[in-house]
Amino acid sequence: TKYADSVKGRFTIFRNNAENTVHLQMNSLKPEDRAVYYCRGIWGNYD
């Protein structure tokens, strides 16, 4: 895993391949975390 410095220690990314899902657990949220959050998947040369 890799995290932006601004979220290290507060956010955790994890995946469940059996359920085809990836999650982002966000704790200790701050007003500056306000945004639209997007999921991106990269398969070789395609995303």
ModelCIF file with pLDDT and N, C-alpha, C, O atoms, coordinates in Angstrom:
data_MODEL
#
_entry.id   MODEL 
#
_entity.id                         1 
_entity.type                       polymer 
_entity.pdbx_number_of_molecules   1 
#
_entity_poly.entity_id                      1 
_entity_poly.type                           'polypeptide(L)' 
_entity_poly.nstd_linkage                   no 
_entity_poly.nstd_monomer                   no 
_entity_poly.pdbx_seq_one_letter_code       TKYADSVKGRFTIFRNNAENTVHLQMNSLKPEDRAVYYCRGIWGNYD 
_entity_poly.pdbx_seq_one_letter_code_can   TKYADSVKGRFTIFRNNAENTVHLQMNSLKPEDRAVYYCRGIWGNYD 
_entity_poly.pdbx_strand_id                 A 
#
loop_
_entity_poly_seq.entity_id 
_entity_poly_seq.num 
_entity_poly_seq.mon_id 
_entity_poly_seq.hetero 
1 1  THR n 
1 2  LYS n 
1 3  TYR n 
1 4  ALA n 
1 5  ASP n 
1 6  SER n 
1 7  VAL n 
1 8  LYS n 
1 9  GLY n 
1 10 ARG n 
1 11 PHE n 
1 12 THR n 
1 13 ILE n 
1 14 PHE n 
1 15 ARG n 
1 16 ASN n 
1 17 ASN n 
1 18 ALA n 
1 19 GLU n 
1 20 ASN n 
1 21 THR n 
1 22 VAL n 
1 23 HIS n 
1 24 LEU n 
1 25 GLN n 
1 26 MET n 
1 27 ASN n 
1 28 SER n 
1 29 LEU n 
1 30 LYS n 
1 31 PRO n 
1 32 GLU n 
1 33 ASP n 
1 34 ARG n 
1 35 ALA n 
1 36 VAL n 
1 37 TYR n 
1 38 TYR n 
1 39 CYS n 
1 40 ARG n 
1 41 GLY n 
1 42 ILE n 
1 43 TRP n 
1 44 GLY n 
1 45 ASN n 
1 46 TYR n 
1 47 ASP n 
#
_struct_asym.id          A 
_struct_asym.entity_id   1 
#
loop_
_ma_qa_metric.id 
_ma_qa_metric.mode 
_ma_qa_metric.name 
_ma_qa_metric.software_group_id 
_ma_qa_metric.type 
1 global pLDDT . pLDDT 
2 local  pLDDT . pLDDT 
#
_ma_qa_metric_global.metric_id      1 
_ma_qa_metric_global.metric_value   96.96 
_ma_qa_metric_global.model_id       1 
_ma_qa_metric_global.ordinal_id     1 
#
loop_
_ma_qa_metric_local.label_asym_id 
_ma_qa_metric_local.label_comp_id 
_ma_qa_metric_local.label_seq_id 
_ma_qa_metric_local.metric_id 
_ma_qa_metric_local.metric_value 
_ma_qa_metric_local.model_id 
_ma_qa_metric_local.ordinal_id 
A THR 1  2 98.00 1 1  
A LYS 2  2 98.00 1 2  
A TYR 3  2 98.00 1 3  
A ALA 4  2 98.00 1 4  
A ASP 5  2 98.00 1 5  
A SER 6  2 98.00 1 6  
A VAL 7  2 98.00 1 7  
A LYS 8  2 98.00 1 8  
A GLY 9  2 98.00 1 9  
A ARG 10 2 98.00 1 10 
A PHE 11 2 98.00 1 11 
A THR 12 2 98.00 1 12 
A ILE 13 2 98.00 1 13 
A PHE 14 2 97.00 1 14 
A ARG 15 2 97.00 1 15 
A ASN 16 2 96.00 1 16 
A ASN 17 2 95.00 1 17 
A ALA 18 2 95.00 1 18 
A GLU 19 2 96.00 1 19 
A ASN 20 2 96.00 1 20 
A THR 21 2 97.00 1 21 
A VAL 22 2 98.00 1 22 
A HIS 23 2 98.00 1 23 
A LEU 24 2 98.00 1 24 
A GLN 25 2 98.00 1 25 
A MET 26 2 98.00 1 26 
A ASN 27 2 98.00 1 27 
A SER 28 2 98.00 1 28 
A LEU 29 2 98.00 1 29 
A LYS 30 2 98.00 1 30 
A PRO 31 2 97.00 1 31 
A GLU 32 2 97.00 1 32 
A ASP 33 2 98.00 1 33 
A ARG 34 2 98.00 1 34 
A ALA 35 2 98.00 1 35 
A VAL 36 2 98.00 1 36 
A TYR 37 2 98.00 1 37 
A TYR 38 2 98.00 1 38 
A CYS 39 2 98.00 1 39 
A ARG 40 2 98.00 1 40 
A GLY 41 2 97.00 1 41 
A ILE 42 2 95.00 1 42 
A TRP 43 2 93.00 1 43 
A GLY 44 2 90.00 1 44 
A ASN 45 2 91.00 1 45 
A TYR 46 2 93.00 1 46 
A ASP 47 2 95.00 1 47 
#
loop_
_atom_site.group_PDB 
_atom_site.id 
_atom_site.type_symbol 
_atom_site.label_atom_id 
_atom_site.label_alt_id 
_atom_site.label_comp_id 
_atom_site.label_asym_id 
_atom_site.label_entity_id 
_atom_site.label_seq_id 
_atom_site.pdbx_PDB_ins_code 
_atom_site.Cartn_x 
_atom_site.Cartn_y 
_atom_site.Cartn_z 
_atom_site.occupancy 
_atom_site.B_iso_or_equiv 
_atom_site.pdbx_formal_charge 
_atom_site.auth_seq_id 
_atom_site.auth_comp_id 
_atom_site.auth_asym_id 
_atom_site.auth_atom_id 
_atom_site.pdbx_PDB_model_num 
ATOM 1   N N  . THR A 1 1  ? 0.829   -1.201  0.000   1.00 98.00 ? 1  THR A N  1 
ATOM 2   C CA . THR A 1 1  ? 0.000   0.000   0.000   1.00 98.00 ? 1  THR A CA 1 
ATOM 3   C C  . THR A 1 1  ? 0.869   1.258   0.000   1.00 98.00 ? 1  THR A C  1 
ATOM 4   O O  . THR A 1 1  ? 2.045   1.240   0.362   1.00 98.00 ? 1  THR A O  1 
ATOM 5   N N  . LYS A 1 2  ? 0.229   2.354   -0.425  1.00 98.00 ? 2  LYS A N  1 
ATOM 6   C CA . LYS A 1 2  ? 0.877   3.655   -0.430  1.00 98.00 ? 2  LYS A CA 1 
ATOM 7   C C  . LYS A 1 2  ? -0.177  4.684   -0.102  1.00 98.00 ? 2  LYS A C  1 
ATOM 8   O O  . LYS A 1 2  ? -1.325  4.576   -0.534  1.00 98.00 ? 2  LYS A O  1 
ATOM 9   N N  . TYR A 1 3  ? 0.225   5.700   0.679   1.00 98.00 ? 3  TYR A N  1 
ATOM 10  C CA . TYR A 1 3  ? -0.721  6.728   1.106   1.00 98.00 ? 3  TYR A CA 1 
ATOM 11  C C  . TYR A 1 3  ? -0.169  8.126   0.876   1.00 98.00 ? 3  TYR A C  1 
ATOM 12  O O  . TYR A 1 3  ? 1.040   8.355   0.918   1.00 98.00 ? 3  TYR A O  1 
ATOM 13  N N  . ALA A 1 4  ? -1.085  9.050   0.632   1.00 98.00 ? 4  ALA A N  1 
ATOM 14  C CA . ALA A 1 4  ? -0.705  10.451  0.633   1.00 98.00 ? 4  ALA A CA 1 
ATOM 15  C C  . ALA A 1 4  ? -0.315  10.827  2.066   1.00 98.00 ? 4  ALA A C  1 
ATOM 16  O O  . ALA A 1 4  ? -0.875  10.312  3.034   1.00 98.00 ? 4  ALA A O  1 
ATOM 17  N N  . ASP A 1 5  ? 0.648   11.728  2.177   1.00 98.00 ? 5  ASP A N  1 
ATOM 18  C CA . ASP A 1 5  ? 1.104   12.136  3.507   1.00 98.00 ? 5  ASP A CA 1 
ATOM 19  C C  . ASP A 1 5  ? -0.039  12.676  4.355   1.00 98.00 ? 5  ASP A C  1 
ATOM 20  O O  . ASP A 1 5  ? -0.054  12.487  5.571   1.00 98.00 ? 5  ASP A O  1 
ATOM 21  N N  . SER A 1 6  ? -0.981  13.336  3.728   1.00 98.00 ? 6  SER A N  1 
ATOM 22  C CA . SER A 1 6  ? -2.065  13.981  4.459   1.00 98.00 ? 6  SER A CA 1 
ATOM 23  C C  . SER A 1 6  ? -3.015  12.995  5.122   1.00 98.00 ? 6  SER A C  1 
ATOM 24  O O  . SER A 1 6  ? -3.783  13.377  6.005   1.00 98.00 ? 6  SER A O  1 
ATOM 25  N N  . VAL A 1 7  ? -2.973  11.735  4.711   1.00 98.00 ? 7  VAL A N  1 
ATOM 26  C CA . VAL A 1 7  ? -3.919  10.754  5.272   1.00 98.00 ? 7  VAL A CA 1 
ATOM 27  C C  . VAL A 1 7  ? -3.227  9.619   6.017   1.00 98.00 ? 7  VAL A C  1 
ATOM 28  O O  . VAL A 1 7  ? -3.895  8.765   6.599   1.00 98.00 ? 7  VAL A O  1 
ATOM 29  N N  . LYS A 1 8  ? -1.908  9.601   6.006   1.00 98.00 ? 8  LYS A N  1 
ATOM 30  C CA . LYS A 1 8  ? -1.184  8.529   6.687   1.00 98.00 ? 8  LYS A CA 1 
ATOM 31  C C  . LYS A 1 8  ? -1.568  8.462   8.154   1.00 98.00 ? 8  LYS A C  1 
ATOM 32  O O  . LYS A 1 8  ? -1.636  9.480   8.842   1.00 98.00 ? 8  LYS A O  1 
ATOM 33  N N  . GLY A 1 9  ? -1.818  7.253   8.616   1.00 98.00 ? 9  GLY A N  1 
ATOM 34  C CA . GLY A 1 9  ? -2.204  7.051   10.002  1.00 98.00 ? 9  GLY A CA 1 
ATOM 35  C C  . GLY A 1 9  ? -3.681  7.229   10.260  1.00 98.00 ? 9  GLY A C  1 
ATOM 36  O O  . GLY A 1 9  ? -4.162  6.890   11.341  1.00 98.00 ? 9  GLY A O  1 
ATOM 37  N N  . ARG A 1 10 ? -4.413  7.754   9.292   1.00 98.00 ? 10 ARG A N  1 
ATOM 38  C CA . ARG A 1 10 ? -5.863  7.949   9.458   1.00 98.00 ? 10 ARG A CA 1 
ATOM 39  C C  . ARG A 1 10 ? -6.678  7.086   8.506   1.00 98.00 ? 10 ARG A C  1 
ATOM 40  O O  . ARG A 1 10 ? -7.766  6.627   8.856   1.00 98.00 ? 10 ARG A O  1 
ATOM 41  N N  . PHE A 1 11 ? -6.160  6.867   7.315   1.00 98.00 ? 11 PHE A N  1 
ATOM 42  C CA . PHE A 1 11 ? -6.883  6.102   6.290   1.00 98.00 ? 11 PHE A CA 1 
ATOM 43  C C  . PHE A 1 11 ? -6.194  4.761   6.068   1.00 98.00 ? 11 PHE A C  1 
ATOM 44  O O  . PHE A 1 11 ? -4.976  4.636   6.195   1.00 98.00 ? 11 PHE A O  1 
ATOM 45  N N  . THR A 1 12 ? -7.006  3.763   5.733   1.00 98.00 ? 12 THR A N  1 
ATOM 46  C CA . THR A 1 12 ? -6.477  2.435   5.413   1.00 98.00 ? 12 THR A CA 1 
ATOM 47  C C  . THR A 1 12 ? -7.175  1.907   4.175   1.00 98.00 ? 12 THR A C  1 
ATOM 48  O O  . THR A 1 12 ? -8.403  1.905   4.093   1.00 98.00 ? 12 THR A O  1 
ATOM 49  N N  . ILE A 1 13 ? -6.387  1.461   3.216   1.00 98.00 ? 13 ILE A N  1 
ATOM 50  C CA . ILE A 1 13 ? -6.942  0.836   2.019   1.00 98.00 ? 13 ILE A CA 1 
ATOM 51  C C  . ILE A 1 13 ? -6.746  -0.671  2.132   1.00 98.00 ? 13 ILE A C  1 
ATOM 52  O O  . ILE A 1 13 ? -5.682  -1.143  2.533   1.00 98.00 ? 13 ILE A O  1 
ATOM 53  N N  . PHE A 1 14 ? -7.775  -1.409  1.777   1.00 97.00 ? 14 PHE A N  1 
ATOM 54  C CA . PHE A 1 14 ? -7.665  -2.864  1.780   1.00 97.00 ? 14 PHE A CA 1 
ATOM 55  C C  . PHE A 1 14 ? -8.621  -3.429  0.751   1.00 97.00 ? 14 PHE A C  1 
ATOM 56  O O  . PHE A 1 14 ? -9.593  -2.784  0.358   1.00 97.00 ? 14 PHE A O  1 
ATOM 57  N N  . ARG A 1 15 ? -8.331  -4.643  0.325   1.00 97.00 ? 15 ARG A N  1 
ATOM 58  C CA . ARG A 1 15 ? -9.126  -5.228  -0.751  1.00 97.00 ? 15 ARG A CA 1 
ATOM 59  C C  . ARG A 1 15 ? -9.606  -6.614  -0.355  1.00 97.00 ? 15 ARG A C  1 
ATOM 60  O O  . ARG A 1 15 ? -9.006  -7.294  0.478   1.00 97.00 ? 15 ARG A O  1 
ATOM 61  N N  . ASN A 1 16 ? -10.705 -7.007  -0.977  1.00 96.00 ? 16 ASN A N  1 
ATOM 62  C CA . ASN A 1 16 ? -11.267 -8.342  -0.796  1.00 96.00 ? 16 ASN A CA 1 
ATOM 63  C C  . ASN A 1 16 ? -11.481 -8.905  -2.189  1.00 96.00 ? 16 ASN A C  1 
ATOM 64  O O  . ASN A 1 16 ? -12.490 -8.617  -2.833  1.00 96.00 ? 16 ASN A O  1 
ATOM 65  N N  . ASN A 1 17 ? -10.547 -9.697  -2.647  1.00 95.00 ? 17 ASN A N  1 
ATOM 66  C CA . ASN A 1 17 ? -10.631 -10.205 -4.024  1.00 95.00 ? 17 ASN A CA 1 
ATOM 67  C C  . ASN A 1 17 ? -11.819 -11.151 -4.207  1.00 95.00 ? 17 ASN A C  1 
ATOM 68  O O  . ASN A 1 17 ? -12.372 -11.243 -5.303  1.00 95.00 ? 17 ASN A O  1 
ATOM 69  N N  . ALA A 1 18 ? -12.206 -11.836 -3.170  1.00 95.00 ? 18 ALA A N  1 
ATOM 70  C CA . ALA A 1 18 ? -13.344 -12.755 -3.282  1.00 95.00 ? 18 ALA A CA 1 
ATOM 71  C C  . ALA A 1 18 ? -14.643 -11.999 -3.550  1.00 95.00 ? 18 ALA A C  1 
ATOM 72  O O  . ALA A 1 18 ? -15.575 -12.540 -4.146  1.00 95.00 ? 18 ALA A O  1 
ATOM 73  N N  . GLU A 1 19 ? -14.695 -10.736 -3.103  1.00 96.00 ? 19 GLU A N  1 
ATOM 74  C CA . GLU A 1 19 ? -15.897 -9.937  -3.293  1.00 96.00 ? 19 GLU A CA 1 
ATOM 75  C C  . GLU A 1 19 ? -15.713 -8.840  -4.335  1.00 96.00 ? 19 GLU A C  1 
ATOM 76  O O  . GLU A 1 19 ? -16.603 -8.016  -4.544  1.00 96.00 ? 19 GLU A O  1 
ATOM 77  N N  . ASN A 1 20 ? -14.547 -8.836  -4.989  1.00 96.00 ? 20 ASN A N  1 
ATOM 78  C CA . ASN A 1 20 ? -14.254 -7.824  -6.023  1.00 96.00 ? 20 ASN A CA 1 
ATOM 79  C C  . ASN A 1 20 ? -14.387 -6.403  -5.489  1.00 96.00 ? 20 ASN A C  1 
ATOM 80  O O  . ASN A 1 20 ? -14.887 -5.516  -6.180  1.00 96.00 ? 20 ASN A O  1 
ATOM 81  N N  . THR A 1 21 ? -13.944 -6.198  -4.273  1.00 97.00 ? 21 THR A N  1 
ATOM 82  C CA . THR A 1 21 ? -14.092 -4.875  -3.675  1.00 97.00 ? 21 THR A CA 1 
ATOM 83  C C  . THR A 1 21 ? -12.769 -4.358  -3.125  1.00 97.00 ? 21 THR A C  1 
ATOM 84  O O  . THR A 1 21 ? -11.892 -5.124  -2.724  1.00 97.00 ? 21 THR A O  1 
ATOM 85  N N  . VAL A 1 22 ? -12.659 -3.053  -3.120  1.00 98.00 ? 22 VAL A N  1 
ATOM 86  C CA . VAL A 1 22 ? -11.585 -2.363  -2.425  1.00 98.00 ? 22 VAL A CA 1 
ATOM 87  C C  . VAL A 1 22 ? -12.237 -1.316  -1.533  1.00 98.00 ? 22 VAL A C  1 
ATOM 88  O O  . VAL A 1 22 ? -13.191 -0.646  -1.929  1.00 98.00 ? 22 VAL A O  1 
ATOM 89  N N  . HIS A 1 23 ? -11.712 -1.191  -0.340  1.00 98.00 ? 23 HIS A N  1 
ATOM 90  C CA . HIS A 1 23 ? -12.305 -0.290  0.643   1.00 98.00 ? 23 HIS A CA 1 
ATOM 91  C C  . HIS A 1 23 ? -11.300 0.771   1.064   1.00 98.00 ? 23 HIS A C  1 
ATOM 92  O O  . HIS A 1 23 ? -10.087 0.584   0.979   1.00 98.00 ? 23 HIS A O  1 
ATOM 93  N N  . LEU A 1 24 ? -11.841 1.877   1.514   1.00 98.00 ? 24 LEU A N  1 
ATOM 94  C CA . LEU A 1 24 ? -11.020 2.908   2.120   1.00 98.00 ? 24 LEU A CA 1 
ATOM 95  C C  . LEU A 1 24 ? -11.650 3.242   3.470   1.00 98.00 ? 24 LEU A C  1 
ATOM 96  O O  . LEU A 1 24 ? -12.706 3.873   3.536   1.00 98.00 ? 24 LEU A O  1 
ATOM 97  N N  . GLN A 1 25 ? -11.001 2.818   4.527   1.00 98.00 ? 25 GLN A N  1 
ATOM 98  C CA . GLN A 1 25 ? -11.455 3.147   5.865   1.00 98.00 ? 25 GLN A CA 1 
ATOM 99  C C  . GLN A 1 25 ? -10.856 4.487   6.253   1.00 98.00 ? 25 GLN A C  1 
ATOM 100 O O  . GLN A 1 25 ? -9.636  4.652   6.287   1.00 98.00 ? 25 GLN A O  1 
ATOM 101 N N  . MET A 1 26 ? -11.730 5.443   6.544   1.00 98.00 ? 26 MET A N  1 
ATOM 102 C CA . MET A 1 26 ? -11.284 6.799   6.844   1.00 98.00 ? 26 MET A CA 1 
ATOM 103 C C  . MET A 1 26 ? -11.657 7.131   8.280   1.00 98.00 ? 26 MET A C  1 
ATOM 104 O O  . MET A 1 26 ? -12.838 7.194   8.623   1.00 98.00 ? 26 MET A O  1 
ATOM 105 N N  . ASN A 1 27 ? -10.667 7.340   9.104   1.00 98.00 ? 27 ASN A N  1 
ATOM 106 C CA . ASN A 1 27 ? -10.871 7.697   10.504  1.00 98.00 ? 27 ASN A CA 1 
ATOM 107 C C  . ASN A 1 27 ? -10.346 9.096   10.774  1.00 98.00 ? 27 ASN A C  1 
ATOM 108 O O  . ASN A 1 27 ? -9.578  9.649   9.987   1.00 98.00 ? 27 ASN A O  1 
ATOM 109 N N  . SER A 1 28 ? -10.765 9.653   11.883  1.00 98.00 ? 28 SER A N  1 
ATOM 110 C CA . SER A 1 28 ? -10.304 10.992  12.285  1.00 98.00 ? 28 SER A CA 1 
ATOM 111 C C  . SER A 1 28 ? -10.436 11.982  11.137  1.00 98.00 ? 28 SER A C  1 
ATOM 112 O O  . SER A 1 28 ? -9.502  12.719  10.821  1.00 98.00 ? 28 SER A O  1 
ATOM 113 N N  . LEU A 1 29 ? -11.595 11.986  10.530  1.00 98.00 ? 29 LEU A N  1 
ATOM 114 C CA . LEU A 1 29 ? -11.805 12.844  9.362   1.00 98.00 ? 29 LEU A CA 1 
ATOM 115 C C  . LEU A 1 29 ? -11.729 14.321  9.734   1.00 98.00 ? 29 LEU A C  1 
ATOM 116 O O  . LEU A 1 29 ? -12.124 14.743  10.821  1.00 98.00 ? 29 LEU A O  1 
ATOM 117 N N  . LYS A 1 30 ? -11.204 15.080  8.786   1.00 98.00 ? 30 LYS A N  1 
ATOM 118 C CA . LYS A 1 30 ? -11.030 16.514  8.955   1.00 98.00 ? 30 LYS A CA 1 
ATOM 119 C C  . LYS A 1 30 ? -11.837 17.249  7.894   1.00 98.00 ? 30 LYS A C  1 
ATOM 120 O O  . LYS A 1 30 ? -12.142 16.675  6.849   1.00 98.00 ? 30 LYS A O  1 
ATOM 121 N N  . PRO A 1 31 ? -12.187 18.498  8.141   1.00 97.00 ? 31 PRO A N  1 
ATOM 122 C CA . PRO A 1 31 ? -12.909 19.256  7.107   1.00 97.00 ? 31 PRO A CA 1 
ATOM 123 C C  . PRO A 1 31 ? -12.169 19.284  5.775   1.00 97.00 ? 31 PRO A C  1 
ATOM 124 O O  . PRO A 1 31 ? -12.799 19.320  4.718   1.00 97.00 ? 31 PRO A O  1 
ATOM 125 N N  . GLU A 1 32 ? -10.849 19.269  5.816   1.00 97.00 ? 32 GLU A N  1 
ATOM 126 C CA . GLU A 1 32 ? -10.085 19.308  4.572   1.00 97.00 ? 32 GLU A CA 1 
ATOM 127 C C  . GLU A 1 32 ? -10.116 17.990  3.798   1.00 97.00 ? 32 GLU A C  1 
ATOM 128 O O  . GLU A 1 32 ? -9.601  17.919  2.683   1.00 97.00 ? 32 GLU A O  1 
ATOM 129 N N  . ASP A 1 33 ? -10.706 16.960  4.369   1.00 98.00 ? 33 ASP A N  1 
ATOM 130 C CA . ASP A 1 33 ? -10.902 15.705  3.642   1.00 98.00 ? 33 ASP A CA 1 
ATOM 131 C C  . ASP A 1 33 ? -12.128 15.749  2.741   1.00 98.00 ? 33 ASP A C  1 
ATOM 132 O O  . ASP A 1 33 ? -12.394 14.813  1.987   1.00 98.00 ? 33 ASP A O  1 
ATOM 133 N N  . ARG A 1 34 ? -12.860 16.832  2.827   1.00 98.00 ? 34 ARG A N  1 
ATOM 134 C CA . ARG A 1 34 ? -14.055 16.970  2.004   1.00 98.00 ? 34 ARG A CA 1 
ATOM 135 C C  . ARG A 1 34 ? -13.686 16.958  0.534   1.00 98.00 ? 34 ARG A C  1 
ATOM 136 O O  . ARG A 1 34 ? -12.844 17.742  0.096   1.00 98.00 ? 34 ARG A O  1 
ATOM 137 N N  . ALA A 1 35 ? -14.310 16.074  -0.231  1.00 98.00 ? 35 ALA A N  1 
ATOM 138 C CA . ALA A 1 35 ? -14.017 15.940  -1.655  1.00 98.00 ? 35 ALA A CA 1 
ATOM 139 C C  . ALA A 1 35 ? -14.927 14.886  -2.263  1.00 98.00 ? 35 ALA A C  1 
ATOM 140 O O  . ALA A 1 35 ? -15.655 14.183  -1.562  1.00 98.00 ? 35 ALA A O  1 
ATOM 141 N N  . VAL A 1 36 ? -14.867 14.795  -3.573  1.00 98.00 ? 36 VAL A N  1 
ATOM 142 C CA . VAL A 1 36 ? -15.439 13.639  -4.245  1.00 98.00 ? 36 VAL A CA 1 
ATOM 143 C C  . VAL A 1 36 ? -14.333 12.595  -4.341  1.00 98.00 ? 36 VAL A C  1 
ATOM 144 O O  . VAL A 1 36 ? -13.238 12.881  -4.825  1.00 98.00 ? 36 VAL A O  1 
ATOM 145 N N  . TYR A 1 37 ? -14.627 11.387  -3.877  1.00 98.00 ? 37 TYR A N  1 
ATOM 146 C CA . TYR A 1 37 ? -13.651 10.310  -3.866  1.00 98.00 ? 37 TYR A CA 1 
ATOM 147 C C  . TYR A 1 37 ? -13.938 9.348   -5.013  1.00 98.00 ? 37 TYR A C  1 
ATOM 148 O O  . TYR A 1 37 ? -15.071 8.914   -5.223  1.00 98.00 ? 37 TYR A O  1 
ATOM 149 N N  . TYR A 1 38 ? -12.877 9.031   -5.744  1.00 98.00 ? 38 TYR A N  1 
ATOM 150 C CA . TYR A 1 38 ? -12.986 8.170   -6.909  1.00 98.00 ? 38 TYR A CA 1 
ATOM 151 C C  . TYR A 1 38 ? -12.151 6.910   -6.728  1.00 98.00 ? 38 TYR A C  1 
ATOM 152 O O  . TYR A 1 38 ? -11.071 6.928   -6.137  1.00 98.00 ? 38 TYR A O  1 
ATOM 153 N N  . CYS A 1 39 ? -12.677 5.845   -7.244  1.00 98.00 ? 39 CYS A N  1 
ATOM 154 C CA . CYS A 1 39 ? -11.969 4.568   -7.287  1.00 98.00 ? 39 CYS A CA 1 
ATOM 155 C C  . CYS A 1 39 ? -11.365 4.405   -8.679  1.00 98.00 ? 39 CYS A C  1 
ATOM 156 O O  . CYS A 1 39 ? -11.995 4.740   -9.682  1.00 98.00 ? 39 CYS A O  1 
ATOM 157 N N  . ARG A 1 40 ? -10.161 3.896   -8.729  1.00 98.00 ? 40 ARG A N  1 
ATOM 158 C CA . ARG A 1 40 ? -9.487  3.659   -10.006 1.00 98.00 ? 40 ARG A CA 1 
ATOM 159 C C  . ARG A 1 40 ? -8.894  2.258   -9.996  1.00 98.00 ? 40 ARG A C  1 
ATOM 160 O O  . ARG A 1 40 ? -8.289  1.830   -9.013  1.00 98.00 ? 40 ARG A O  1 
ATOM 161 N N  . GLY A 1 41 ? -9.075  1.564   -11.087 1.00 97.00 ? 41 GLY A N  1 
ATOM 162 C CA . GLY A 1 41 ? -8.480  0.238   -11.250 1.00 97.00 ? 41 GLY A CA 1 
ATOM 163 C C  . GLY A 1 41 ? -7.541  0.226   -12.448 1.00 97.00 ? 41 GLY A C  1 
ATOM 164 O O  . GLY A 1 41 ? -7.868  0.765   -13.506 1.00 97.00 ? 41 GLY A O  1 
ATOM 165 N N  . ILE A 1 42 ? -6.388  -0.381  -12.282 1.00 95.00 ? 42 ILE A N  1 
ATOM 166 C CA . ILE A 1 42 ? -5.394  -0.429  -13.347 1.00 95.00 ? 42 ILE A CA 1 
ATOM 167 C C  . ILE A 1 42 ? -5.113  -1.885  -13.688 1.00 95.00 ? 42 ILE A C  1 
ATOM 168 O O  . ILE A 1 42 ? -4.649  -2.668  -12.859 1.00 95.00 ? 42 ILE A O  1 
ATOM 169 N N  . TRP A 1 43 ? -5.413  -2.217  -14.945 1.00 93.00 ? 43 TRP A N  1 
ATOM 170 C CA . TRP A 1 43 ? -5.135  -3.554  -15.467 1.00 93.00 ? 43 TRP A CA 1 
ATOM 171 C C  . TRP A 1 43 ? -4.114  -3.393  -16.586 1.00 93.00 ? 43 TRP A C  1 
ATOM 172 O O  . TRP A 1 43 ? -4.487  -3.108  -17.724 1.00 93.00 ? 43 TRP A O  1 
ATOM 173 N N  . GLY A 1 44 ? -2.869  -3.566  -16.289 1.00 90.00 ? 44 GLY A N  1 
ATOM 174 C CA . GLY A 1 44 ? -1.836  -3.418  -17.307 1.00 90.00 ? 44 GLY A CA 1 
ATOM 175 C C  . GLY A 1 44 ? -1.850  -2.011  -17.872 1.00 90.00 ? 44 GLY A C  1 
ATOM 176 O O  . GLY A 1 44 ? -1.644  -1.034  -17.152 1.00 90.00 ? 44 GLY A O  1 
ATOM 177 N N  . ASN A 1 45 ? -2.099  -1.921  -19.185 1.00 91.00 ? 45 ASN A N  1 
ATOM 178 C CA . ASN A 1 45 ? -2.107  -0.615  -19.857 1.00 91.00 ? 45 ASN A CA 1 
ATOM 179 C C  . ASN A 1 45 ? -3.466  0.077   -19.826 1.00 91.00 ? 45 ASN A C  1 
ATOM 180 O O  . ASN A 1 45 ? -3.629  1.141   -20.423 1.00 91.00 ? 45 ASN A O  1 
ATOM 181 N N  . TYR A 1 46 ? -4.421  -0.500  -19.153 1.00 93.00 ? 46 TYR A N  1 
ATOM 182 C CA . TYR A 1 46 ? -5.777  0.054   -19.113 1.00 93.00 ? 46 TYR A CA 1 
ATOM 183 C C  . TYR A 1 46 ? -6.151  0.466   -17.688 1.00 93.00 ? 46 TYR A C  1 
ATOM 184 O O  . TYR A 1 46 ? -5.784  -0.191  -16.714 1.00 93.00 ? 46 TYR A O  1 
ATOM 185 N N  . ASP A 1 47 ? -6.876  1.548   -17.599 1.00 95.00 ? 47 ASP A N  1 
ATOM 186 C CA . ASP A 1 47 ? -7.400  1.932   -16.298 1.00 95.00 ? 47 ASP A CA 1 
ATOM 187 C C  . ASP A 1 47 ? -8.845  2.393   -16.434 1.00 95.00 ? 47 ASP A C  1 
ATOM 188 O O  . ASP A 1 47 ? -9.471  2.762   -15.440 1.00 95.00 ? 47 ASP A O  1 
#
